[in-house]
Amino acid sequence: MKMNLNLSWYIPTPINMKCLFCLLLLLPAAASAQLNVPDFTLNDVNKKTPVALSEFKNLKAIVVLFTTNECPFDSYYKTRVKTLIELYSGKVQFLLINSANDPQETPEKMTIHYTDFGVPYLEDKEQVAMDLFGARKSPEVYLLTPEADQFKVVYSGAIDDSPQVAEDTKENYLKNAIEKLLTGQKIKIENNRVIGCTIRR
């Protein structure tokens, strides 16, 4: 049986094509828009003192890592994160933030984790920092550089391309971004998809 289909409705009209063209022009601008983060203060569970992001405004690079006590992916990355902290000691400030509200993520239980990393482990149980960054996974990383009275996110996402086995790592996203930032080079990859545990609200 022969069917006579009228597809004239499918042909874009000039006005529709114009709207489509405008939309396509806007997409790259939206995709490349940089996130700027204002100053915030959270409590360091190890030293029992407040820590403000603005304390590190004289440094060229700050790494904010959203992490937890119990997520398996955070455990896979612990040695790699500690290595990065030691490698960039004095050049890059690392801040570990726990925004999870699960029973095993209380401030009291946080005090037995990351004690030997030598960097602040900040509680964010009201998820203030989490909302500022738009973080949703753990571990999720943000590389910042001071800009005026805020902090510009120049890289965000995964630490590297091997969320489970360190020996299988081929691309060190965070390390490469840090090197580029410290040497004044353009960071080619500004974000990467995170594989990890979802931080529940």
N, C-alpha and C. Protein backbone atom coordinates (compact mmCIF):
# COMPACT_ATOMS: atom_id res chain seq x y z
N MET A 1 0.84 -1.18 0.00
CA MET A 1 0.00 0.00 0.00
C MET A 1 0.89 1.25 0.00
N LYS A 2 0.62 2.14 -0.94
CA LYS A 2 1.43 3.35 -1.08
C LYS A 2 0.89 4.45 -0.17
N MET A 3 1.80 5.03 0.56
CA MET A 3 1.39 6.11 1.48
C MET A 3 1.91 7.44 0.97
N ASN A 4 1.06 8.42 0.97
CA ASN A 4 1.44 9.76 0.54
C ASN A 4 1.62 10.64 1.78
N LEU A 5 2.88 10.83 2.16
CA LEU A 5 3.16 11.58 3.38
C LEU A 5 3.49 13.03 3.03
N ASN A 6 2.88 13.92 3.72
CA ASN A 6 3.16 15.34 3.54
C ASN A 6 4.18 15.79 4.58
N LEU A 7 5.40 16.02 4.12
CA LEU A 7 6.48 16.39 5.03
C LEU A 7 6.81 17.88 4.96
N SER A 8 5.90 18.65 4.41
CA SER A 8 6.19 20.08 4.28
C SER A 8 6.36 20.76 5.63
N TRP A 9 5.72 20.20 6.68
CA TRP A 9 5.85 20.77 8.02
C TRP A 9 7.25 20.62 8.58
N TYR A 10 8.00 19.66 8.04
CA TYR A 10 9.32 19.34 8.56
C TYR A 10 10.40 20.27 8.01
N ILE A 11 10.08 20.97 6.89
CA ILE A 11 11.07 21.83 6.26
C ILE A 11 11.19 23.12 7.06
N PRO A 12 12.38 23.46 7.54
CA PRO A 12 12.52 24.67 8.36
C PRO A 12 12.18 25.92 7.57
N THR A 13 11.42 26.78 8.17
CA THR A 13 11.11 28.07 7.55
C THR A 13 12.27 29.01 7.81
N PRO A 14 12.38 30.10 7.02
CA PRO A 14 13.49 31.04 7.25
C PRO A 14 13.55 31.58 8.66
N ILE A 15 12.40 31.86 9.26
CA ILE A 15 12.41 32.41 10.62
C ILE A 15 12.87 31.37 11.64
N ASN A 16 12.47 30.09 11.39
CA ASN A 16 12.93 29.03 12.29
C ASN A 16 14.43 28.82 12.17
N MET A 17 14.94 28.87 10.94
CA MET A 17 16.36 28.71 10.72
C MET A 17 17.14 29.82 11.41
N LYS A 18 16.58 31.05 11.37
CA LYS A 18 17.23 32.17 12.03
C LYS A 18 17.31 31.95 13.53
N CYS A 19 16.23 31.46 14.12
CA CYS A 19 16.21 31.19 15.56
C CYS A 19 17.19 30.10 15.93
N LEU A 20 17.25 29.05 15.06
CA LEU A 20 18.18 27.95 15.30
C LEU A 20 19.61 28.44 15.25
N PHE A 21 19.91 29.32 14.28
CA PHE A 21 21.25 29.86 14.15
C PHE A 21 21.65 30.66 15.39
N CYS A 22 20.70 31.45 15.91
CA CYS A 22 20.96 32.23 17.12
C CYS A 22 21.25 31.33 18.31
N LEU A 23 20.50 30.24 18.40
CA LEU A 23 20.68 29.30 19.51
C LEU A 23 22.04 28.65 19.45
N LEU A 24 22.47 28.27 18.24
CA LEU A 24 23.77 27.64 18.08
C LEU A 24 24.91 28.59 18.45
N LEU A 25 24.69 29.88 18.17
CA LEU A 25 25.70 30.86 18.55
C LEU A 25 25.84 30.99 20.06
N LEU A 26 24.71 30.82 20.75
CA LEU A 26 24.71 30.97 22.21
C LEU A 26 25.31 29.78 22.93
N LEU A 27 25.22 28.59 22.33
CA LEU A 27 25.67 27.37 23.02
C LEU A 27 27.14 27.40 23.38
N PRO A 28 28.07 27.74 22.49
CA PRO A 28 29.48 27.76 22.90
C PRO A 28 29.74 28.74 24.04
N ALA A 29 29.06 29.88 24.01
CA ALA A 29 29.27 30.87 25.08
C ALA A 29 28.84 30.31 26.42
N ALA A 30 27.70 29.60 26.43
CA ALA A 30 27.21 29.01 27.67
C ALA A 30 28.13 27.91 28.15
N ALA A 31 28.63 27.11 27.20
CA ALA A 31 29.48 25.97 27.57
C ALA A 31 30.82 26.43 28.13
N SER A 32 31.32 27.59 27.63
CA SER A 32 32.64 28.04 28.05
C SER A 32 32.59 29.01 29.23
N ALA A 33 31.39 29.31 29.71
CA ALA A 33 31.26 30.26 30.81
C ALA A 33 31.99 29.75 32.05
N GLN A 34 32.80 30.61 32.66
CA GLN A 34 33.57 30.21 33.81
C GLN A 34 32.78 30.46 35.09
N LEU A 35 33.01 29.58 36.06
CA LEU A 35 32.38 29.73 37.36
C LEU A 35 33.30 30.53 38.27
N ASN A 36 32.76 31.55 38.89
CA ASN A 36 33.48 32.32 39.89
C ASN A 36 32.83 32.06 41.25
N VAL A 37 33.66 31.74 42.23
CA VAL A 37 33.17 31.37 43.56
C VAL A 37 33.52 32.46 44.56
N PRO A 38 32.55 32.92 45.36
CA PRO A 38 32.84 33.92 46.39
C PRO A 38 33.54 33.28 47.59
N ASP A 39 34.00 34.11 48.48
CA ASP A 39 34.64 33.62 49.70
C ASP A 39 33.62 32.89 50.57
N PHE A 40 34.08 31.88 51.29
CA PHE A 40 33.24 31.18 52.26
C PHE A 40 34.12 30.68 53.39
N THR A 41 33.50 30.37 54.51
CA THR A 41 34.23 29.89 55.69
C THR A 41 33.58 28.62 56.21
N LEU A 42 34.42 27.60 56.45
CA LEU A 42 33.94 26.33 57.01
C LEU A 42 34.87 25.91 58.14
N ASN A 43 34.40 24.99 58.97
CA ASN A 43 35.17 24.55 60.13
C ASN A 43 36.07 23.36 59.79
N ASP A 44 37.34 23.48 60.16
CA ASP A 44 38.30 22.38 60.01
C ASP A 44 38.12 21.44 61.20
N VAL A 45 37.71 20.19 60.93
CA VAL A 45 37.39 19.27 62.02
C VAL A 45 38.63 18.81 62.78
N ASN A 46 39.80 18.88 62.15
CA ASN A 46 41.01 18.42 62.82
C ASN A 46 41.59 19.48 63.76
N LYS A 47 41.64 20.72 63.31
CA LYS A 47 42.20 21.78 64.15
C LYS A 47 41.13 22.53 64.93
N LYS A 48 39.85 22.21 64.64
CA LYS A 48 38.74 22.87 65.33
C LYS A 48 38.77 24.38 65.17
N THR A 49 39.12 24.83 63.97
CA THR A 49 39.19 26.26 63.68
C THR A 49 38.49 26.55 62.36
N PRO A 50 37.93 27.75 62.21
CA PRO A 50 37.33 28.12 60.93
C PRO A 50 38.40 28.41 59.89
N VAL A 51 38.11 28.04 58.65
CA VAL A 51 39.04 28.28 57.55
C VAL A 51 38.27 28.99 56.44
N ALA A 52 38.78 30.14 56.01
CA ALA A 52 38.16 30.91 54.94
C ALA A 52 38.94 30.73 53.65
N LEU A 53 38.23 30.65 52.55
CA LEU A 53 38.88 30.53 51.24
C LEU A 53 39.80 31.72 50.99
N SER A 54 39.41 32.88 51.45
CA SER A 54 40.18 34.11 51.22
C SER A 54 41.54 34.10 51.91
N GLU A 55 41.76 33.17 52.83
CA GLU A 55 43.06 33.06 53.48
C GLU A 55 44.16 32.71 52.48
N PHE A 56 43.76 32.17 51.34
CA PHE A 56 44.74 31.68 50.37
C PHE A 56 44.73 32.50 49.08
N LYS A 57 44.24 33.74 49.16
CA LYS A 57 44.12 34.57 47.97
C LYS A 57 45.47 35.01 47.41
N ASN A 58 46.54 34.85 48.19
CA ASN A 58 47.87 35.22 47.70
C ASN A 58 48.54 34.08 46.93
N LEU A 59 47.90 32.92 46.91
CA LEU A 59 48.43 31.80 46.14
C LEU A 59 47.84 31.80 44.74
N LYS A 60 48.58 31.28 43.80
CA LYS A 60 48.10 31.24 42.41
C LYS A 60 47.10 30.12 42.20
N ALA A 61 47.18 29.07 43.03
CA ALA A 61 46.33 27.90 42.81
C ALA A 61 45.81 27.34 44.13
N ILE A 62 44.52 27.04 44.15
CA ILE A 62 43.88 26.37 45.29
C ILE A 62 43.07 25.21 44.72
N VAL A 63 43.21 24.05 45.34
CA VAL A 63 42.44 22.88 44.94
C VAL A 63 41.39 22.59 46.01
N VAL A 64 40.14 22.57 45.61
CA VAL A 64 39.04 22.19 46.50
C VAL A 64 38.57 20.80 46.09
N LEU A 65 38.64 19.86 47.02
CA LEU A 65 38.25 18.48 46.73
C LEU A 65 37.07 18.09 47.61
N PHE A 66 35.95 17.78 46.99
CA PHE A 66 34.80 17.25 47.72
C PHE A 66 35.02 15.76 47.90
N THR A 67 35.02 15.33 49.17
CA THR A 67 35.34 13.95 49.49
C THR A 67 34.49 13.49 50.67
N THR A 68 34.60 12.23 51.02
CA THR A 68 33.84 11.67 52.14
C THR A 68 34.70 10.70 52.93
N ASN A 69 34.14 10.21 54.02
CA ASN A 69 34.84 9.20 54.82
C ASN A 69 34.73 7.81 54.22
N GLU A 70 33.57 7.50 53.63
CA GLU A 70 33.24 6.11 53.32
C GLU A 70 33.07 5.76 51.85
N CYS A 71 32.97 6.72 50.96
CA CYS A 71 32.81 6.38 49.55
C CYS A 71 34.02 5.59 49.05
N PRO A 72 33.81 4.43 48.42
CA PRO A 72 34.94 3.62 47.93
C PRO A 72 35.85 4.38 46.97
N PHE A 73 35.28 5.23 46.14
CA PHE A 73 36.09 5.97 45.18
C PHE A 73 37.04 6.94 45.87
N ASP A 74 36.61 7.49 47.00
CA ASP A 74 37.51 8.35 47.77
C ASP A 74 38.69 7.54 48.31
N SER A 75 38.42 6.32 48.72
CA SER A 75 39.49 5.45 49.22
C SER A 75 40.48 5.12 48.11
N TYR A 76 39.97 4.88 46.90
CA TYR A 76 40.85 4.58 45.77
C TYR A 76 41.82 5.72 45.49
N TYR A 77 41.38 6.94 45.78
CA TYR A 77 42.17 8.12 45.43
C TYR A 77 43.03 8.65 46.57
N LYS A 78 42.91 8.11 47.75
CA LYS A 78 43.60 8.70 48.91
C LYS A 78 45.10 8.84 48.70
N THR A 79 45.75 7.79 48.26
CA THR A 79 47.21 7.85 48.07
C THR A 79 47.57 8.85 46.99
N ARG A 80 46.79 8.89 45.91
CA ARG A 80 47.07 9.81 44.81
C ARG A 80 46.90 11.26 45.25
N VAL A 81 45.87 11.53 46.04
CA VAL A 81 45.64 12.89 46.53
C VAL A 81 46.77 13.31 47.47
N LYS A 82 47.17 12.42 48.35
CA LYS A 82 48.25 12.74 49.28
C LYS A 82 49.55 13.03 48.52
N THR A 83 49.80 12.28 47.47
CA THR A 83 50.99 12.50 46.65
C THR A 83 50.97 13.88 46.01
N LEU A 84 49.80 14.29 45.51
CA LEU A 84 49.68 15.62 44.91
C LEU A 84 49.89 16.72 45.94
N ILE A 85 49.34 16.52 47.14
CA ILE A 85 49.51 17.51 48.21
C ILE A 85 50.99 17.70 48.54
N GLU A 86 51.70 16.59 48.64
CA GLU A 86 53.14 16.65 48.96
C GLU A 86 53.93 17.25 47.80
N LEU A 87 53.54 16.92 46.57
CA LEU A 87 54.26 17.41 45.39
C LEU A 87 54.17 18.92 45.26
N TYR A 88 53.01 19.49 45.59
CA TYR A 88 52.81 20.93 45.41
C TYR A 88 52.80 21.71 46.73
N SER A 89 53.39 21.13 47.75
CA SER A 89 53.47 21.80 49.05
C SER A 89 54.15 23.15 48.91
N GLY A 90 53.51 24.19 49.45
CA GLY A 90 54.06 25.54 49.37
C GLY A 90 53.67 26.30 48.11
N LYS A 91 53.12 25.59 47.12
CA LYS A 91 52.72 26.22 45.86
C LYS A 91 51.20 26.21 45.67
N VAL A 92 50.58 25.12 46.10
CA VAL A 92 49.14 24.94 45.90
C VAL A 92 48.50 24.57 47.24
N GLN A 93 47.42 25.24 47.61
CA GLN A 93 46.70 24.90 48.83
C GLN A 93 45.56 23.95 48.50
N PHE A 94 45.53 22.82 49.17
CA PHE A 94 44.45 21.85 49.03
C PHE A 94 43.48 22.00 50.19
N LEU A 95 42.19 22.00 49.87
CA LEU A 95 41.13 22.02 50.88
C LEU A 95 40.21 20.84 50.63
N LEU A 96 40.06 19.98 51.62
CA LEU A 96 39.15 18.84 51.51
C LEU A 96 37.82 19.21 52.16
N ILE A 97 36.72 19.00 51.45
CA ILE A 97 35.41 19.38 51.95
C ILE A 97 34.49 18.17 51.97
N ASN A 98 33.83 17.95 53.11
CA ASN A 98 32.87 16.86 53.25
C ASN A 98 31.47 17.47 53.39
N SER A 99 30.64 17.28 52.35
CA SER A 99 29.27 17.83 52.35
C SER A 99 28.22 16.75 52.56
N ALA A 100 28.66 15.52 52.80
CA ALA A 100 27.71 14.40 52.94
C ALA A 100 27.05 14.42 54.31
N ASN A 101 25.78 14.03 54.36
CA ASN A 101 25.02 14.03 55.61
C ASN A 101 24.66 12.63 56.10
N ASP A 102 25.30 11.62 55.55
CA ASP A 102 25.04 10.25 55.98
C ASP A 102 25.55 10.05 57.42
N PRO A 103 25.01 9.06 58.13
CA PRO A 103 25.40 8.85 59.54
C PRO A 103 26.91 8.66 59.74
N GLN A 104 27.58 8.06 58.77
CA GLN A 104 29.02 7.81 58.92
C GLN A 104 29.87 9.02 58.54
N GLU A 105 29.20 10.15 58.21
CA GLU A 105 29.93 11.34 57.76
C GLU A 105 29.83 12.49 58.75
N THR A 106 29.55 12.21 60.00
CA THR A 106 29.44 13.26 61.01
C THR A 106 30.80 13.92 61.25
N PRO A 107 30.80 15.16 61.75
CA PRO A 107 32.07 15.82 62.05
C PRO A 107 32.95 15.00 63.00
N GLU A 108 32.32 14.30 63.95
CA GLU A 108 33.09 13.48 64.89
C GLU A 108 33.81 12.34 64.16
N LYS A 109 33.13 11.73 63.20
CA LYS A 109 33.74 10.63 62.45
C LYS A 109 34.72 11.13 61.41
N MET A 110 34.55 12.39 60.99
CA MET A 110 35.50 12.98 60.05
C MET A 110 36.89 13.10 60.67
N THR A 111 36.96 13.26 62.00
CA THR A 111 38.23 13.52 62.66
C THR A 111 39.20 12.34 62.61
N ILE A 112 38.72 11.16 62.20
CA ILE A 112 39.63 10.02 62.12
C ILE A 112 40.09 9.78 60.68
N HIS A 113 39.72 10.67 59.78
CA HIS A 113 40.10 10.54 58.37
C HIS A 113 40.97 11.71 57.94
N TYR A 114 41.87 11.47 57.03
CA TYR A 114 42.74 12.49 56.45
C TYR A 114 43.57 13.23 57.50
N THR A 115 43.82 12.60 58.63
CA THR A 115 44.55 13.28 59.71
C THR A 115 46.02 13.52 59.37
N ASP A 116 46.57 12.72 58.46
CA ASP A 116 48.00 12.84 58.14
C ASP A 116 48.24 13.55 56.80
N PHE A 117 47.21 14.21 56.27
CA PHE A 117 47.37 14.88 54.98
C PHE A 117 47.94 16.29 55.14
N GLY A 118 47.83 16.87 56.33
CA GLY A 118 48.39 18.18 56.58
C GLY A 118 47.63 19.33 55.94
N VAL A 119 46.38 19.10 55.56
CA VAL A 119 45.56 20.16 54.97
C VAL A 119 44.21 20.18 55.67
N PRO A 120 43.47 21.28 55.59
CA PRO A 120 42.17 21.36 56.26
C PRO A 120 41.17 20.34 55.70
N TYR A 121 40.43 19.71 56.63
CA TYR A 121 39.32 18.83 56.27
C TYR A 121 38.07 19.51 56.79
N LEU A 122 37.30 20.10 55.90
CA LEU A 122 36.23 21.03 56.27
C LEU A 122 34.86 20.37 56.22
N GLU A 123 34.07 20.63 57.26
CA GLU A 123 32.70 20.12 57.28
C GLU A 123 31.75 21.12 56.62
N ASP A 124 30.88 20.59 55.78
CA ASP A 124 29.93 21.43 55.04
C ASP A 124 28.56 20.78 55.11
N LYS A 125 28.09 20.52 56.33
CA LYS A 125 26.85 19.78 56.50
C LYS A 125 25.62 20.56 56.07
N GLU A 126 25.74 21.87 55.98
CA GLU A 126 24.63 22.68 55.44
C GLU A 126 24.75 22.81 53.92
N GLN A 127 25.80 22.22 53.37
CA GLN A 127 26.04 22.13 51.92
C GLN A 127 26.13 23.50 51.25
N VAL A 128 26.72 24.45 51.98
CA VAL A 128 26.91 25.79 51.44
C VAL A 128 27.93 25.77 50.30
N ALA A 129 29.10 25.20 50.57
CA ALA A 129 30.14 25.13 49.54
C ALA A 129 29.70 24.24 48.38
N MET A 130 29.03 23.17 48.69
CA MET A 130 28.53 22.27 47.67
C MET A 130 27.64 23.00 46.66
N ASP A 131 26.78 23.88 47.17
CA ASP A 131 25.90 24.65 46.29
C ASP A 131 26.66 25.73 45.53
N LEU A 132 27.64 26.35 46.16
CA LEU A 132 28.42 27.37 45.48
C LEU A 132 29.14 26.81 44.26
N PHE A 133 29.67 25.60 44.41
CA PHE A 133 30.41 24.98 43.32
C PHE A 133 29.51 24.19 42.37
N GLY A 134 28.34 23.78 42.86
CA GLY A 134 27.50 22.89 42.06
C GLY A 134 28.01 21.47 42.10
N ALA A 135 28.75 21.12 43.15
CA ALA A 135 29.31 19.76 43.27
C ALA A 135 28.20 18.76 43.52
N ARG A 136 28.34 17.57 42.95
CA ARG A 136 27.33 16.53 43.12
C ARG A 136 27.93 15.16 43.41
N LYS A 137 29.23 15.00 43.16
CA LYS A 137 29.87 13.70 43.32
C LYS A 137 31.05 13.78 44.27
N SER A 138 31.50 12.62 44.69
CA SER A 138 32.68 12.51 45.53
C SER A 138 33.52 11.32 45.01
N PRO A 139 34.79 11.53 44.68
CA PRO A 139 35.55 12.77 44.76
C PRO A 139 35.34 13.65 43.52
N GLU A 140 35.11 14.93 43.76
CA GLU A 140 34.97 15.91 42.69
C GLU A 140 35.88 17.08 43.02
N VAL A 141 36.67 17.52 42.05
CA VAL A 141 37.74 18.48 42.32
C VAL A 141 37.52 19.78 41.54
N TYR A 142 37.97 20.88 42.16
CA TYR A 142 37.90 22.20 41.54
C TYR A 142 39.24 22.89 41.73
N LEU A 143 39.82 23.34 40.64
CA LEU A 143 41.08 24.10 40.69
C LEU A 143 40.75 25.58 40.54
N LEU A 144 41.15 26.37 41.54
CA LEU A 144 40.80 27.79 41.58
C LEU A 144 42.03 28.67 41.47
N THR A 145 41.80 29.87 40.97
CA THR A 145 42.82 30.91 41.01
C THR A 145 42.14 32.22 41.42
N PRO A 146 42.78 33.04 42.28
CA PRO A 146 42.15 34.28 42.72
C PRO A 146 41.89 35.22 41.55
N GLU A 147 40.72 35.86 41.58
CA GLU A 147 40.38 36.84 40.55
C GLU A 147 39.52 37.92 41.20
N ALA A 148 40.10 39.12 41.33
CA ALA A 148 39.44 40.23 42.04
C ALA A 148 39.12 39.77 43.46
N ASP A 149 37.85 39.86 43.87
CA ASP A 149 37.49 39.45 45.23
C ASP A 149 36.82 38.08 45.25
N GLN A 150 36.98 37.33 44.14
CA GLN A 150 36.42 35.99 44.06
C GLN A 150 37.50 35.01 43.60
N PHE A 151 37.08 33.78 43.31
CA PHE A 151 38.00 32.76 42.86
C PHE A 151 37.44 32.12 41.60
N LYS A 152 38.25 32.10 40.57
CA LYS A 152 37.84 31.58 39.27
C LYS A 152 38.14 30.09 39.19
N VAL A 153 37.16 29.29 38.79
CA VAL A 153 37.36 27.86 38.58
C VAL A 153 37.94 27.66 37.18
N VAL A 154 39.16 27.15 37.13
CA VAL A 154 39.82 26.95 35.83
C VAL A 154 39.82 25.49 35.40
N TYR A 155 39.55 24.61 36.34
CA TYR A 155 39.36 23.19 36.01
C TYR A 155 38.42 22.58 37.03
N SER A 156 37.57 21.66 36.60
CA SER A 156 36.70 20.95 37.53
C SER A 156 36.42 19.55 37.00
N GLY A 157 36.10 18.65 37.94
CA GLY A 157 35.71 17.31 37.54
C GLY A 157 36.57 16.22 38.15
N ALA A 158 37.03 15.32 37.31
CA ALA A 158 37.78 14.13 37.76
C ALA A 158 39.24 14.47 38.04
N ILE A 159 39.83 13.71 38.95
CA ILE A 159 41.26 13.88 39.25
C ILE A 159 42.11 13.32 38.12
N ASP A 160 41.72 12.15 37.63
CA ASP A 160 42.40 11.54 36.49
C ASP A 160 41.41 10.61 35.79
N ASP A 161 41.91 9.78 34.88
CA ASP A 161 41.01 8.95 34.07
C ASP A 161 40.87 7.52 34.58
N SER A 162 41.35 7.24 35.80
CA SER A 162 41.25 5.88 36.34
C SER A 162 40.69 5.93 37.76
N PRO A 163 39.36 5.93 37.91
CA PRO A 163 38.76 6.10 39.23
C PRO A 163 38.99 4.96 40.21
N GLN A 164 39.46 3.82 39.73
CA GLN A 164 39.65 2.69 40.64
C GLN A 164 41.10 2.27 40.80
N VAL A 165 41.80 2.07 39.70
CA VAL A 165 43.16 1.53 39.76
C VAL A 165 44.17 2.60 39.38
N ALA A 166 44.99 3.02 40.34
CA ALA A 166 45.95 4.10 40.09
C ALA A 166 46.94 3.73 38.99
N GLU A 167 47.33 2.46 38.96
CA GLU A 167 48.33 2.03 37.97
C GLU A 167 47.81 2.10 36.54
N ASP A 168 46.50 2.19 36.36
CA ASP A 168 45.93 2.26 35.01
C ASP A 168 45.75 3.70 34.52
N THR A 169 46.21 4.66 35.31
CA THR A 169 46.03 6.07 34.94
C THR A 169 46.85 6.42 33.71
N LYS A 170 46.18 7.03 32.75
CA LYS A 170 46.85 7.51 31.53
C LYS A 170 46.81 9.03 31.42
N GLU A 171 45.76 9.65 31.95
CA GLU A 171 45.62 11.09 31.89
C GLU A 171 45.44 11.66 33.30
N ASN A 172 46.40 12.46 33.73
CA ASN A 172 46.33 13.10 35.05
C ASN A 172 45.74 14.50 34.90
N TYR A 173 44.41 14.56 34.85
CA TYR A 173 43.72 15.81 34.54
C TYR A 173 44.07 16.93 35.51
N LEU A 174 43.95 16.67 36.80
CA LEU A 174 44.20 17.71 37.79
C LEU A 174 45.65 18.14 37.78
N LYS A 175 46.57 17.20 37.78
CA LYS A 175 48.00 17.52 37.79
C LYS A 175 48.37 18.35 36.56
N ASN A 176 47.86 17.96 35.42
CA ASN A 176 48.16 18.71 34.20
C ASN A 176 47.62 20.13 34.28
N ALA A 177 46.41 20.28 34.83
CA ALA A 177 45.81 21.61 34.96
C ALA A 177 46.61 22.48 35.93
N ILE A 178 47.07 21.88 37.03
CA ILE A 178 47.89 22.62 38.00
C ILE A 178 49.17 23.12 37.34
N GLU A 179 49.83 22.24 36.60
CA GLU A 179 51.08 22.60 35.93
C GLU A 179 50.86 23.76 34.95
N LYS A 180 49.77 23.68 34.20
CA LYS A 180 49.45 24.74 33.23
C LYS A 180 49.20 26.06 33.96
N LEU A 181 48.44 26.00 35.05
CA LEU A 181 48.11 27.22 35.79
C LEU A 181 49.36 27.85 36.39
N LEU A 182 50.22 27.05 36.99
CA LEU A 182 51.41 27.57 37.64
C LEU A 182 52.41 28.16 36.66
N THR A 183 52.40 27.67 35.43
CA THR A 183 53.35 28.15 34.42
C THR A 183 52.72 29.14 33.45
N GLY A 184 51.47 29.54 33.72
CA GLY A 184 50.84 30.56 32.90
C GLY A 184 50.38 30.09 31.53
N GLN A 185 50.17 28.79 31.37
CA GLN A 185 49.72 28.25 30.09
C GLN A 185 48.20 28.06 30.10
N LYS A 186 47.63 27.96 28.93
CA LYS A 186 46.19 27.77 28.80
C LYS A 186 45.83 26.32 29.16
N ILE A 187 44.82 26.17 29.98
CA ILE A 187 44.33 24.84 30.33
C ILE A 187 43.36 24.41 29.24
N LYS A 188 43.72 23.38 28.49
CA LYS A 188 42.93 22.97 27.33
C LYS A 188 41.63 22.28 27.74
N ILE A 189 41.71 21.42 28.75
CA ILE A 189 40.51 20.73 29.24
C ILE A 189 40.06 21.40 30.52
N GLU A 190 38.87 21.99 30.50
CA GLU A 190 38.41 22.76 31.66
C GLU A 190 37.52 21.95 32.59
N ASN A 191 36.99 20.83 32.12
CA ASN A 191 36.20 19.97 33.01
C ASN A 191 36.14 18.56 32.46
N ASN A 192 35.94 17.62 33.35
CA ASN A 192 35.83 16.21 33.00
C ASN A 192 34.77 15.54 33.86
N ARG A 193 34.07 14.61 33.27
CA ARG A 193 33.00 13.91 33.99
C ARG A 193 33.57 13.12 35.17
N VAL A 194 32.87 13.22 36.30
CA VAL A 194 33.31 12.56 37.53
C VAL A 194 32.64 11.20 37.66
N ILE A 195 33.41 10.18 38.01
CA ILE A 195 32.86 8.88 38.39
C ILE A 195 33.10 8.73 39.89
N GLY A 196 32.02 8.62 40.63
CA GLY A 196 32.16 8.53 42.08
C GLY A 196 30.82 8.34 42.75
N CYS A 197 30.73 8.70 44.01
CA CYS A 197 29.49 8.55 44.78
C CYS A 197 28.70 9.86 44.76
N THR A 198 27.40 9.75 44.60
CA THR A 198 26.55 10.93 44.63
C THR A 198 26.42 11.46 46.06
N ILE A 199 26.60 12.76 46.22
CA ILE A 199 26.41 13.40 47.53
C ILE A 199 24.94 13.73 47.65
N ARG A 200 24.25 13.06 48.55
CA ARG A 200 22.81 13.27 48.70
C ARG A 200 22.51 14.54 49.47
N ARG A 201 21.43 15.18 49.10
CA ARG A 201 21.02 16.41 49.78
C ARG A 201 20.27 16.07 51.06
